[in-house]
Each structure stands twice: as C-alpha cells, then as structure tokens.
Protein backbone atom coordinates (compact mmCIF):
# COMPACT_ATOMS: atom_id res chain seq x y z
CA MET A 1 137.11 74.42 11.84
CA ASP A 2 133.99 72.45 11.34
CA ALA A 3 133.63 72.21 15.20
CA ASP A 4 133.62 76.16 15.30
CA ARG A 5 130.86 76.22 12.63
CA ILE A 6 128.86 73.67 14.54
CA CYS A 7 129.08 75.56 17.82
CA SER A 8 128.29 78.78 16.20
CA ALA A 9 125.27 77.19 14.46
CA ARG A 10 124.07 75.62 17.57
CA TYR A 11 124.58 79.06 19.34
CA ASP A 12 122.45 80.62 16.58
CA ASP A 13 119.95 77.94 16.49
CA GLU A 14 119.37 78.04 20.42
CA ASP A 15 119.14 82.04 20.55
CA GLY A 16 122.33 82.27 22.27
CA ASP A 17 122.48 86.11 22.10
CA ASP A 18 118.99 86.28 23.68
CA LYS A 19 120.16 83.88 26.47
CA LEU A 20 123.39 85.86 26.98
CA THR A 21 121.46 89.08 27.24
CA GLU A 22 118.93 87.47 29.71
CA ALA A 23 121.86 86.09 31.70
CA GLU A 24 123.51 89.52 31.79
CA GLU A 25 120.27 91.18 32.93
CA ALA A 26 119.84 88.46 35.65
CA VAL A 27 123.41 89.19 36.86
CA LYS A 28 122.76 92.91 36.80
CA GLU A 29 119.36 92.39 38.79
CA VAL A 30 121.13 90.27 41.20
CA GLU A 31 123.96 93.03 41.76
CA ARG A 32 121.15 95.56 42.16
CA GLU A 33 119.66 93.29 44.88
CA VAL A 34 122.99 92.79 46.49
CA ILE A 35 123.51 96.62 46.82
CA ARG A 36 119.90 97.10 48.10
CA VAL A 37 120.56 94.35 50.78
CA GLU A 38 123.78 96.00 51.65
CA GLU A 39 122.21 99.32 52.16
CA GLU A 40 119.42 97.83 54.16
CA VAL A 41 121.88 95.99 56.48
CA GLU A 42 123.84 99.36 56.83
CA THR A 43 120.59 101.02 57.77
CA LEU A 44 119.71 98.38 60.29
CA GLN A 45 123.25 98.55 61.78
CA GLU A 46 122.69 102.38 62.37
CA GLU A 47 119.44 101.79 64.01
CA ILE A 48 120.92 99.18 66.21
CA ALA A 49 123.60 101.60 67.21
CA ILE A 50 120.84 104.14 67.98
CA LEU A 51 118.89 101.53 70.14
CA ALA A 52 122.12 100.56 71.93
CA GLN A 53 122.95 104.14 72.82
CA GLN A 54 119.19 104.54 74.05
CA VAL A 55 119.50 101.44 76.26
CA SER A 56 122.79 103.00 77.71
CA GLU A 57 121.24 106.23 78.39
CA SER A 58 118.21 104.49 80.03
CA ASP A 59 120.64 102.42 82.13
CA ASN A 60 122.34 105.69 83.28
CA ARG A 61 118.97 107.34 83.88
CA ARG A 62 117.92 104.41 86.00
CA SER A 63 121.13 104.47 88.01
CA THR A 64 120.74 108.19 88.55
CA ILE A 65 117.23 107.67 89.63
CA ASN A 66 118.25 104.90 92.03
CA SER A 67 121.03 106.98 93.49
CA ASN A 68 118.51 109.84 93.96
CA LEU A 69 116.08 107.54 95.77
CA ARG A 70 118.83 106.35 98.16
CA TYR A 71 119.95 109.87 98.72
CA ARG A 72 116.31 111.02 99.64
CA GLU A 73 116.00 107.94 101.98
CA ALA A 74 119.25 108.92 103.77
CA ASP A 75 118.28 112.66 103.92
CA ARG A 76 114.93 111.51 105.47
CA LYS A 77 116.75 109.38 108.06
CA ILE A 78 119.11 112.12 108.93
CA ALA A 79 116.24 114.44 109.48
CA GLU A 80 114.65 111.91 111.67
CA LEU A 81 117.82 111.49 113.71
CA GLN A 82 118.28 115.29 114.00
CA LYS A 83 114.74 115.53 115.54
CA GLN A 84 115.71 112.78 117.94
CA ILE A 85 118.98 114.59 118.94
CA ASN A 86 116.99 117.83 119.27
CA ALA A 87 114.41 116.08 121.48
CA LEU A 88 117.29 114.62 123.54
CA ASP A 89 118.92 118.03 124.01
CA VAL A 90 115.68 119.47 124.96
CA GLU A 91 115.13 116.79 127.47
CA GLY A 92 118.51 117.08 128.89
CA ALA A 93 118.36 120.80 129.30
CA ALA A 94 115.08 120.36 131.10
CA LYS A 95 116.63 117.80 133.45
CA ALA A 96 119.68 120.09 134.02
CA LYS A 97 117.38 123.00 134.72
CA LYS A 98 115.38 120.90 137.22
CA ASP A 99 118.45 119.66 138.87
CA PHE A 100 119.80 123.18 139.11
CA GLU A 101 116.63 124.55 140.52
CA THR A 102 116.50 121.62 143.14
CA LYS A 103 120.09 122.19 144.23
CA TYR A 104 119.70 126.04 143.98
CA GLY A 105 116.65 125.81 146.20
CA GLN A 106 118.28 123.72 148.72
CA ALA A 107 121.25 126.09 148.83
CA GLU A 108 119.01 129.07 149.11
CA ARG A 109 117.03 127.54 151.95
CA GLU A 110 120.27 126.66 153.78
CA ARG A 111 121.59 130.17 153.25
CA THR A 112 118.36 131.69 154.49
CA THR A 113 118.38 129.36 157.60
CA LYS A 114 122.14 130.26 158.24
CA LEU A 115 121.38 134.02 157.89
CA GLY A 116 118.38 133.70 160.17
CA LYS A 117 120.54 132.25 162.91
CA VAL A 118 123.35 134.70 162.58
CA GLY A 119 120.93 137.80 162.67
C-alpha cells in the first residue's frame, strides 16, 4: 500500500490533475483539427470533381469546334466543286450548241443546194 500512497503523493505533488486536464484539452484540440482537416479535404475533393467536369466539358467543346471547322471546310470545298461542275456544264452546253449549229448549218446549206437543183 505504500507504493500506492507514494504514487498518489507524487501525482498530487506534480499537479497530475492539471496535467491530465491539459492533456485531455490537447487531445480534444487535435480531434477538432482532424475534423477540420477532413472537412477541408472533402471540400477540396468536391472542387477537384468540379474542375474535372469542367475539363471534360472543355474537351467536348473543343471536339465540337474542331468538328464544326472540318464541316465548314468540307462545305466550302463542296461549294467550290459545285461551281466547277456548273462551269463544266455551261462549257459543255456551249460546245454542244456550237457543234449543233455547225452541223445544222451544213445540213441546211446542203438542203438548200439540193432544193435549188430540183426546182
């Protein structure tokens, strides 16, 4: 029993109650800090998720813009080709008309010549 009294006396002499209270307060402070840090980590994770979503949306937007640019370029090329086709059609029609007029003119002259001989 003497050992218990010695420990108890030492505890009282060294302000054991005060030290215990201080230690308990320190533990509570650390626990509050852990909770604060966990909340901060959660907030940061939410912000990271938002940023990741924004990056994904930006990538989609960029892809859409690139597709739009490719579409516009293809559309422009199609318009140019259509102009060339139209020009070829006009040239072909003009050539066909000239050929027709030349052949028709020759045939008309031949007919006139033959009618003149008959009459």
